[in-house]
C-alpha atoms as a PDB file:
ATOM      1  CA  UNK A   1     102.511 -32.797  22.473  1.00  0.00           C
ATOM      2  CA  UNK A   2      99.122 -31.464  23.389  1.00  0.00           C
ATOM      3  CA  UNK A   3     100.358 -29.324  26.276  1.00  0.00           C
ATOM      4  CA  UNK A   4     102.796 -27.463  24.012  1.00  0.00           C
ATOM      5  CA  UNK A   5      99.939 -26.672  21.628  1.00  0.00           C
ATOM      6  CA  UNK A   6      97.928 -25.552  24.697  1.00  0.00           C
ATOM      7  CA  UNK A   7      95.191 -28.057  23.912  1.00  0.00           C
ATOM      8  CA  UNK A   8      95.441 -29.679  27.342  1.00  0.00           C
ATOM      9  CA  UNK A   9      96.822 -28.785  30.753  1.00  0.00           C
ATOM     10  CA  UNK A  10      98.203 -31.119  33.438  1.00  0.00           C
ATOM     11  CA  UNK A  11      95.981 -32.104  36.348  1.00  0.00           C
ATOM     12  CA  UNK A  12      96.587 -30.480  39.733  1.00  0.00           C
ATOM     13  CA  UNK A  13      98.254 -33.663  40.962  1.00  0.00           C
ATOM     14  CA  UNK A  14     100.617 -33.751  37.980  1.00  0.00           C
ATOM     15  CA  UNK A  15     101.351 -30.046  38.335  1.00  0.00           C
ATOM     16  CA  UNK A  16     102.311 -30.647  41.968  1.00  0.00           C
ATOM     17  CA  UNK A  17     104.563 -33.545  40.925  1.00  0.00           C
ATOM     18  CA  UNK A  18     106.194 -31.437  38.196  1.00  0.00           C
ATOM     19  CA  UNK A  19     106.759 -28.573  40.616  1.00  0.00           C
ATOM     20  CA  UNK A  20     108.285 -30.873  43.241  1.00  0.00           C
ATOM     21  CA  UNK A  21     110.576 -32.479  40.646  1.00  0.00           C
ATOM     22  CA  UNK A  22     111.663 -29.063  39.342  1.00  0.00           C
ATOM     23  CA  UNK A  23     112.573 -27.715  42.785  1.00  0.00           C
ATOM     24  CA  UNK A  24     114.322 -30.955  43.764  1.00  0.00           C
ATOM     25  CA  UNK A  25     116.498 -30.784  40.645  1.00  0.00           C
ATOM     26  CA  UNK A  26     117.144 -27.082  41.169  1.00  0.00           C
ATOM     27  CA  UNK A  27     118.247 -27.669  44.771  1.00  0.00           C
ATOM     28  CA  UNK A  28     120.660 -30.381  43.661  1.00  0.00           C
ATOM     29  CA  UNK A  29     122.122 -28.240  40.879  1.00  0.00           C
ATOM     30  CA  UNK A  30     122.515 -25.157  43.087  1.00  0.00           C
ATOM     31  CA  UNK A  31     124.083 -27.160  45.922  1.00  0.00           C
ATOM     32  CA  UNK A  32     126.572 -28.832  43.587  1.00  0.00           C
ATOM     33  CA  UNK A  33     127.486 -25.524  41.958  1.00  0.00           C
ATOM     34  CA  UNK A  34     127.964 -23.738  45.287  1.00  0.00           C
ATOM     35  CA  UNK A  35     130.049 -26.608  46.626  1.00  0.00           C
ATOM     36  CA  UNK A  36     132.288 -26.443  43.551  1.00  0.00           C
ATOM     37  CA  UNK A  37     132.629 -22.656  43.648  1.00  0.00           C
ATOM     38  CA  UNK A  38     133.229 -22.364  47.398  1.00  0.00           C
ATOM     39  CA  UNK A  39     135.695 -25.253  47.617  1.00  0.00           C
ATOM     40  CA  UNK A  40     137.941 -23.999  44.783  1.00  0.00           C
ATOM     41  CA  UNK A  41     140.240 -27.045  44.946  1.00  0.00           C
ATOM     42  CA  UNK A  42     140.742 -26.670  48.698  1.00  0.00           C
ATOM     43  CA  UNK A  43     141.682 -22.992  48.515  1.00  0.00           C
ATOM     44  CA  UNK A  44     138.264 -21.626  49.457  1.00  0.00           C
ATOM     45  CA  UNK A  45     136.985 -18.412  48.006  1.00  0.00           C
ATOM     46  CA  UNK A  46     136.808 -14.730  48.734  1.00  0.00           C
ATOM     47  CA  UNK A  47     133.538 -12.972  49.390  1.00  0.00           C
ATOM     48  CA  UNK A  48     132.974  -9.258  49.134  1.00  0.00           C
ATOM     49  CA  UNK A  49     130.278  -7.752  51.310  1.00  0.00           C
ATOM     50  CA  UNK A  50     128.938  -4.441  50.113  1.00  0.00           C
ATOM     51  CA  UNK A  51     126.989  -2.084  52.361  1.00  0.00           C
ATOM     52  CA  UNK A  52     123.348  -1.564  51.544  1.00  0.00           C
ATOM     53  CA  UNK A  53     121.725   1.833  51.713  1.00  0.00           C
ATOM     54  CA  UNK A  54     119.283   1.318  54.582  1.00  0.00           C
ATOM     55  CA  UNK A  55     117.866   4.456  56.153  1.00  0.00           C
ATOM     56  CA  UNK A  56     117.621   4.335  59.920  1.00  0.00           C
ATOM     57  CA  UNK A  57     120.780   2.300  60.466  1.00  0.00           C
ATOM     58  CA  UNK A  58     123.869   3.872  61.945  1.00  0.00           C
ATOM     59  CA  UNK A  59     127.272   3.445  60.384  1.00  0.00           C
ATOM     60  CA  UNK A  60     130.530   2.873  62.164  1.00  0.00           C
ATOM     61  CA  UNK A  61     131.274   6.598  61.919  1.00  0.00           C
ATOM     62  CA  UNK A  62     127.955   7.506  63.624  1.00  0.00           C
ATOM     63  CA  UNK A  63     128.344   5.361  66.727  1.00  0.00           C
ATOM     64  CA  UNK A  64     131.387   4.612  68.913  1.00  0.00           C
ATOM     65  CA  UNK A  65     132.915   1.172  68.628  1.00  0.00           C
ATOM     66  CA  UNK A  66     131.760  -1.045  71.519  1.00  0.00           C
ATOM     67  CA  UNK A  67     135.161  -2.765  71.684  1.00  0.00           C
ATOM     68  CA  UNK A  68     136.918   0.558  72.265  1.00  0.00           C
ATOM     69  CA  UNK A  69     134.762   1.399  75.284  1.00  0.00           C
END
């Protein structure tokens, strides 16, 4: 294969087709994997949300709870 030996490169049109095919396949694989993982045989799944260190944001200890007001 000439492209493996770097003797030739695909045309722009073929590169665009290859890129579109790659992302289409990736979307299908990711969607199927997420569907499988999140369904978990009808039991769903647990998700853990971790706080991110973001300066400028207040935490629940800095501001009063709006529901308590």
